Amino acid sequence: MPQVFNMNDFQTNQSFRSFINYLRFEKRYSDHTISAYQSDLEQVFAYMQEVYELTAPEQVTHQYLRSWIVSLVSGGHQPRSINRKISSLRSYYKFLKRDGSVEANPTIRLKALKLPKRLPKSIQEHQVRKMIVEPAEHSDNYIEWRDHLIIMTLYHTGVRRSELIEMKEIDIDRIEMRIKVLGKGNKVRLIPIAPGFLRLMDQYLKIKEAIFPGESYLFLTLKGTKVYPKLVYNIVSRHLSMVSTISQKGPHTLRHSFATHLSDHGADLNAIKDLLGHANLSATQIYTQNSIEKLKSAYRKAHPKA
């Protein structure tokens, strides 16, 4: 007769203790992660005992687990949370199967729930205009100009933070009015720049050259080294906080805004894909969804039969 799987002493169960030790000493997971695994497993086996009076892990089948997932969905649990619990259960049964505690793994046919698409956050065009205010014409404050050009570059080109950090002065092509970007997988792409952007960039570079002569990277710290990720994030976050209450205030928000505003004004999706450096079109299509949502909102507000 199988050992009773009593939830009151779940933590003293031998297979569970072995699994926890495996997570702690072999996988080297943090205490927080291990606690999450423990909580997930306690919940699923409490359900099995209460609903089906199962007495041991090896009695659990795929059908019972499907029932458990349905109960979570009905109880209002979010798909992301449910998927995490499924992942914990898979890891546990994979461990039990490997050490011979169970003959069959009931989680093999379990499928993760489809997650709802999270539309990227962007700011509105009037907020961009309010945020990108040129420094005073005769100002020679390097930090003021650098931060301004960082914001402008992120929004005008849609580059990633890592790409911005690696930009060099030589990447600016004044004849062809474009800037060279080294993207993921060392793929080079050329992004057009506007005359106004180039004019301000040249003003900034004069100030930079006076303080850091010969330094090739486009954006530098006060020590003369290239800017680093946290600094760029803080600069963007500070500027976004001045014009928006948006929750996501990092450089990626400006990249999303760049793509969204292009889409809003009818830019070809393939062109946006190339500008962003996406490997395939599916990653870019989410920006059309942003535009569609805006159209729906306008329709609901304005159409008499909406």
Protein backbone atom coordinates (compact mmCIF):
# COMPACT_ATOMS: atom_id res chain seq x y z
CA MET A 1 0.00 0.00 0.00
CA PRO A 2 1.52 3.36 -0.97
CA GLN A 3 2.65 5.79 1.70
CA VAL A 4 -0.01 8.37 2.61
CA PHE A 5 0.82 11.71 1.09
CA ASN A 6 -0.20 13.86 4.03
CA MET A 7 0.11 17.56 3.31
CA ASN A 8 0.78 18.29 6.96
CA ASP A 9 4.16 16.61 6.71
CA PHE A 10 4.77 17.20 3.01
CA GLN A 11 8.15 18.76 3.74
CA THR A 12 9.33 15.60 5.51
CA ASN A 13 8.44 13.36 2.55
CA GLN A 14 11.65 11.70 1.36
CA SER A 15 11.18 12.34 -2.36
CA PHE A 16 10.35 15.97 -1.68
CA ARG A 17 13.38 16.44 0.59
CA SER A 18 15.59 14.91 -2.09
CA PHE A 19 14.11 17.22 -4.71
CA ILE A 20 14.69 20.30 -2.55
CA ASN A 21 18.29 19.24 -1.94
CA TYR A 22 18.70 18.79 -5.68
CA LEU A 23 17.46 22.34 -6.29
CA ARG A 24 19.64 23.77 -3.55
CA PHE A 25 22.93 21.94 -4.04
CA GLU A 26 22.96 20.83 -7.67
CA LYS A 27 20.91 23.52 -9.40
CA ARG A 28 22.07 26.12 -6.85
CA TYR A 29 18.75 27.93 -6.86
CA SER A 30 18.14 30.79 -4.45
CA ASP A 31 16.09 30.37 -1.27
CA HIS A 32 13.37 32.50 -2.87
CA THR A 33 13.14 30.23 -5.92
CA ILE A 34 13.15 27.08 -3.80
CA SER A 35 10.36 28.53 -1.66
CA ALA A 36 8.31 29.14 -4.82
CA TYR A 37 8.79 25.51 -5.94
CA GLN A 38 7.77 24.29 -2.51
CA SER A 39 4.62 26.41 -2.44
CA ASP A 40 3.60 25.31 -5.94
CA LEU A 41 4.01 21.61 -5.13
CA GLU A 42 2.18 21.89 -1.82
CA GLN A 43 -0.78 23.47 -3.61
CA VAL A 44 -1.10 20.87 -6.35
CA PHE A 45 -0.81 17.89 -4.00
CA ALA A 46 -3.24 19.45 -1.54
CA TYR A 47 -5.71 19.61 -4.44
CA MET A 48 -5.04 15.97 -5.39
CA GLN A 49 -5.63 14.81 -1.84
CA GLU A 50 -8.72 16.92 -1.24
CA VAL A 51 -10.49 16.33 -4.57
CA TYR A 52 -9.37 12.82 -5.55
CA GLU A 53 -8.11 11.40 -2.24
CA LEU A 54 -4.85 10.42 -3.87
CA THR A 55 -2.28 9.06 -1.47
CA ALA A 56 1.03 9.23 -3.36
CA PRO A 57 2.72 11.16 -6.19
CA GLU A 58 2.77 8.10 -8.46
CA GLN A 59 -1.05 7.98 -8.44
CA VAL A 60 -1.34 11.34 -10.17
CA THR A 61 -2.26 11.12 -13.86
CA HIS A 62 -2.42 13.54 -16.75
CA GLN A 63 -6.23 13.74 -16.41
CA TYR A 64 -6.00 14.69 -12.74
CA LEU A 65 -3.48 17.43 -13.58
CA ARG A 66 -5.75 18.75 -16.32
CA SER A 67 -8.52 19.00 -13.75
CA TRP A 68 -6.19 20.90 -11.43
CA ILE A 69 -5.32 23.39 -14.17
CA VAL A 70 -9.02 23.92 -14.95
CA SER A 71 -9.64 24.64 -11.26
CA LEU A 72 -6.88 27.26 -11.27
CA VAL A 73 -8.30 28.97 -14.36
CA SER A 74 -11.79 28.92 -12.86
CA GLY A 75 -10.37 30.37 -9.66
CA GLY A 76 -9.06 33.40 -11.50
CA HIS A 77 -5.35 32.59 -11.48
CA GLN A 78 -3.37 34.36 -14.18
CA PRO A 79 -1.88 32.25 -17.02
CA ARG A 80 1.66 33.33 -16.12
CA SER A 81 1.18 32.13 -12.54
CA ILE A 82 -0.35 28.83 -13.68
CA ASN A 83 2.51 28.23 -16.11
CA ARG A 84 5.00 28.70 -13.30
CA LYS A 85 3.20 26.06 -11.24
CA ILE A 86 3.19 23.69 -14.22
CA SER A 87 6.92 24.26 -14.62
CA SER A 88 7.53 23.44 -10.94
CA LEU A 89 5.49 20.25 -11.27
CA ARG A 90 7.34 19.21 -14.42
CA SER A 91 10.68 19.62 -12.69
CA TYR A 92 9.51 17.57 -9.71
CA TYR A 93 8.22 14.66 -11.77
CA LYS A 94 11.25 14.72 -14.03
CA PHE A 95 13.35 14.32 -10.89
CA LEU A 96 11.14 11.50 -9.56
CA LYS A 97 11.30 9.69 -12.90
CA ARG A 98 15.07 9.95 -13.01
CA ASP A 99 15.59 8.52 -9.52
CA GLY A 100 13.01 5.76 -10.08
CA SER A 101 10.35 6.98 -7.66
CA VAL A 102 7.70 6.95 -10.40
CA GLU A 103 7.36 4.84 -13.53
CA ALA A 104 5.52 7.41 -15.64
CA ASN A 105 5.72 11.20 -15.81
CA PRO A 106 2.16 12.59 -15.90
CA THR A 107 3.35 16.08 -16.86
CA ILE A 108 4.74 15.12 -20.28
CA ARG A 109 1.53 16.01 -22.15
CA LEU A 110 0.77 19.14 -20.15
CA LYS A 111 0.80 22.30 -22.23
CA ALA A 112 1.50 25.76 -20.93
CA LEU A 113 -1.34 28.25 -21.16
CA LYS A 114 -1.19 30.82 -23.91
CA LEU A 115 -0.15 34.17 -22.51
CA PRO A 116 -1.99 37.31 -23.58
CA LYS A 117 0.03 39.62 -25.80
CA ARG A 118 1.51 42.48 -23.84
CA LEU A 119 1.54 45.54 -26.04
CA PRO A 120 4.76 47.53 -25.66
CA LYS A 121 4.44 50.77 -23.74
CA SER A 122 5.06 54.00 -25.61
CA ILE A 123 4.59 57.69 -24.97
CA GLN A 124 2.57 60.09 -27.10
CA GLU A 125 4.07 62.36 -29.71
CA HIS A 126 3.25 65.56 -27.85
CA GLN A 127 5.07 64.14 -24.83
CA VAL A 128 8.14 63.47 -26.96
CA ARG A 129 8.13 67.09 -28.17
CA LYS A 130 7.83 68.29 -24.61
CA MET A 131 10.66 66.02 -23.44
CA ILE A 132 13.18 66.79 -26.20
CA VAL A 133 13.95 70.42 -25.46
CA GLU A 134 17.22 71.69 -26.92
CA PRO A 135 19.85 73.05 -24.53
CA ALA A 136 20.42 76.82 -24.66
CA GLU A 137 22.17 77.81 -27.89
CA HIS A 138 25.34 79.04 -26.17
CA SER A 139 25.43 76.38 -23.47
CA ASP A 140 28.63 74.35 -23.23
CA ASN A 141 27.41 72.06 -20.44
CA TYR A 142 28.62 68.64 -21.55
CA ILE A 143 26.22 66.60 -19.36
CA GLU A 144 23.22 68.60 -20.54
CA TRP A 145 24.13 68.11 -24.20
CA ARG A 146 25.08 64.45 -23.79
CA ASP A 147 21.83 63.55 -22.05
CA HIS A 148 19.83 65.47 -24.64
CA LEU A 149 21.53 63.67 -27.54
CA ILE A 150 21.11 60.29 -25.85
CA ILE A 151 17.35 60.88 -25.67
CA MET A 152 17.27 62.17 -29.24
CA THR A 153 19.30 59.28 -30.61
CA LEU A 154 17.15 56.63 -28.92
CA TYR A 155 13.92 58.17 -30.22
CA HIS A 156 15.12 59.29 -33.67
CA THR A 157 16.78 55.97 -34.54
CA GLY A 158 14.97 53.37 -32.39
CA VAL A 159 18.26 51.71 -31.43
CA ARG A 160 18.65 49.41 -28.45
CA ARG A 161 20.47 50.63 -25.36
CA SER A 162 23.40 48.29 -26.02
CA GLU A 163 23.66 49.60 -29.58
CA LEU A 164 23.69 53.21 -28.42
CA ILE A 165 26.48 52.52 -25.93
CA GLU A 166 28.71 51.10 -28.66
CA MET A 167 28.16 53.95 -31.14
CA LYS A 168 31.25 55.81 -32.31
CA GLU A 169 31.72 59.13 -34.07
CA ILE A 170 32.91 57.34 -37.20
CA ASP A 171 29.51 55.64 -37.46
CA ILE A 172 27.89 58.94 -38.51
CA ASP A 173 27.78 59.36 -42.29
CA ARG A 174 27.18 63.06 -42.99
CA ILE A 175 27.16 62.64 -46.76
CA GLU A 176 24.48 59.93 -46.88
CA MET A 177 22.73 61.29 -43.77
CA ARG A 178 22.67 58.01 -41.90
CA ILE A 179 24.18 56.29 -38.90
CA LYS A 180 25.68 52.80 -38.78
CA VAL A 181 24.47 50.52 -36.02
CA LEU A 182 25.99 47.21 -34.96
CA GLY A 183 23.07 45.08 -33.82
CA LYS A 184 22.46 41.58 -32.50
CA GLY A 185 24.57 38.87 -34.09
CA ASN A 186 27.01 41.58 -35.29
CA LYS A 187 24.56 42.53 -38.02
CA VAL A 188 25.09 46.04 -39.37
CA ARG A 189 22.15 48.23 -40.32
CA LEU A 190 22.04 51.80 -41.60
CA ILE A 191 19.47 54.17 -40.14
CA PRO A 192 18.65 57.51 -41.81
CA ILE A 193 19.01 60.68 -39.74
CA ALA A 194 17.41 64.09 -40.24
CA PRO A 195 19.34 67.34 -40.86
CA GLY A 196 18.10 68.80 -37.58
CA PHE A 197 19.35 65.78 -35.66
CA LEU A 198 22.75 65.99 -37.35
CA ARG A 199 23.03 69.71 -36.59
CA LEU A 200 22.50 69.12 -32.89
CA MET A 201 24.81 66.11 -32.91
CA ASP A 202 27.61 68.23 -34.41
CA GLN A 203 27.10 70.89 -31.73
CA TYR A 204 27.37 68.20 -29.06
CA LEU A 205 30.50 66.69 -30.64
CA LYS A 206 32.28 70.07 -30.57
CA ILE A 207 31.70 70.28 -26.82
CA LYS A 208 32.74 66.64 -26.37
CA GLU A 209 35.95 67.09 -28.38
CA ALA A 210 36.95 70.09 -26.26
CA ILE A 211 36.72 68.01 -23.07
CA PHE A 212 37.66 64.54 -24.35
CA PRO A 213 39.84 65.04 -27.43
CA GLY A 214 40.31 61.94 -29.55
CA GLU A 215 37.77 59.76 -27.74
CA SER A 216 35.92 57.74 -30.37
CA TYR A 217 32.80 56.60 -28.51
CA LEU A 218 29.83 58.87 -29.08
CA PHE A 219 28.62 59.11 -25.50
CA LEU A 220 31.03 59.32 -22.56
CA THR A 221 30.92 59.54 -18.78
CA LEU A 222 32.67 62.39 -16.99
CA LYS A 223 35.66 60.07 -16.65
CA GLY A 224 35.96 59.83 -20.42
CA THR A 225 34.80 56.22 -20.70
CA LYS A 226 31.81 55.07 -22.74
CA VAL A 227 28.47 55.29 -20.95
CA TYR A 228 27.17 52.15 -19.24
CA PRO A 229 23.66 50.58 -19.16
CA LYS A 230 22.56 51.87 -15.74
CA LEU A 231 23.59 55.43 -16.57
CA VAL A 232 21.64 55.40 -19.84
CA TYR A 233 18.61 53.95 -18.04
CA ASN A 234 18.74 56.66 -15.36
CA ILE A 235 19.01 59.42 -17.97
CA VAL A 236 15.99 58.15 -19.89
CA SER A 237 13.97 57.45 -16.76
CA ARG A 238 14.53 60.98 -15.49
CA HIS A 239 13.43 62.56 -18.76
CA LEU A 240 10.38 60.32 -19.17
CA SER A 241 9.29 61.06 -15.60
CA MET A 242 9.04 64.74 -16.52
CA VAL A 243 6.39 64.15 -19.20
CA SER A 244 4.65 60.84 -18.47
CA THR A 245 3.36 58.65 -15.66
CA ILE A 246 4.07 55.53 -17.73
CA SER A 247 5.27 52.64 -15.57
CA GLN A 248 8.07 51.55 -17.92
CA LYS A 249 10.61 54.37 -18.10
CA GLY A 250 13.63 52.72 -19.68
CA PRO A 251 15.38 53.16 -23.06
CA HIS A 252 13.19 50.46 -24.60
CA THR A 253 10.17 52.72 -24.14
CA LEU A 254 11.72 55.20 -26.57
CA ARG A 255 12.43 52.35 -29.01
CA HIS A 256 8.78 51.29 -28.75
CA SER A 257 7.66 54.90 -29.22
CA PHE A 258 9.85 55.23 -32.32
CA ALA A 259 8.25 52.16 -33.91
CA THR A 260 4.70 52.94 -32.79
CA HIS A 261 4.78 56.49 -34.13
CA LEU A 262 6.16 55.28 -37.47
CA SER A 263 3.33 52.76 -37.66
CA ASP A 264 0.75 55.38 -36.68
CA HIS A 265 1.87 57.53 -39.61
CA GLY A 266 1.58 54.69 -42.10
CA ALA A 267 5.17 53.48 -42.37
CA ASP A 268 5.61 50.15 -44.14
CA LEU A 269 5.93 47.29 -41.66
CA ASN A 270 8.96 45.85 -43.44
CA ALA A 271 10.69 49.22 -43.23
CA ILE A 272 10.05 49.38 -39.48
CA LYS A 273 11.39 45.84 -39.18
CA ASP A 274 14.63 46.80 -40.92
CA LEU A 275 15.04 49.97 -38.87
CA LEU A 276 14.59 48.06 -35.62
CA GLY A 277 16.88 45.24 -36.70
CA HIS A 278 14.29 42.52 -36.14
CA ALA A 279 15.15 39.11 -37.54
CA ASN A 280 11.59 38.44 -38.72
CA LEU A 281 8.36 40.32 -39.28
CA SER A 282 6.43 38.66 -36.46
CA ALA A 283 8.40 40.64 -33.88
CA THR A 284 7.44 43.89 -35.60
CA GLN A 285 3.74 43.18 -36.10
CA ILE A 286 2.94 44.02 -32.49
CA TYR A 287 3.34 47.70 -33.34
CA THR A 288 0.46 47.52 -35.79
CA GLN A 289 -1.64 46.24 -32.89
CA ASN A 290 -0.86 49.46 -31.02
CA SER A 291 -2.20 51.44 -33.97
CA ILE A 292 -5.29 49.23 -34.25
CA GLU A 293 -6.05 49.73 -30.56
CA LYS A 294 -5.88 53.50 -31.06
CA LEU A 295 -8.25 53.25 -34.02
CA LYS A 296 -10.68 51.17 -31.95
CA SER A 297 -10.56 53.72 -29.17
CA ALA A 298 -11.22 56.59 -31.59
CA TYR A 299 -14.09 54.65 -33.16
CA ARG A 300 -15.71 53.94 -29.80
CA LYS A 301 -15.48 57.59 -28.82
CA ALA A 302 -16.59 59.16 -32.09
CA HIS A 303 -18.88 56.79 -34.00
CA PRO A 304 -22.58 57.21 -33.15
CA LYS A 305 -23.23 53.47 -33.48
CA ALA A 306 -20.11 52.32 -31.64
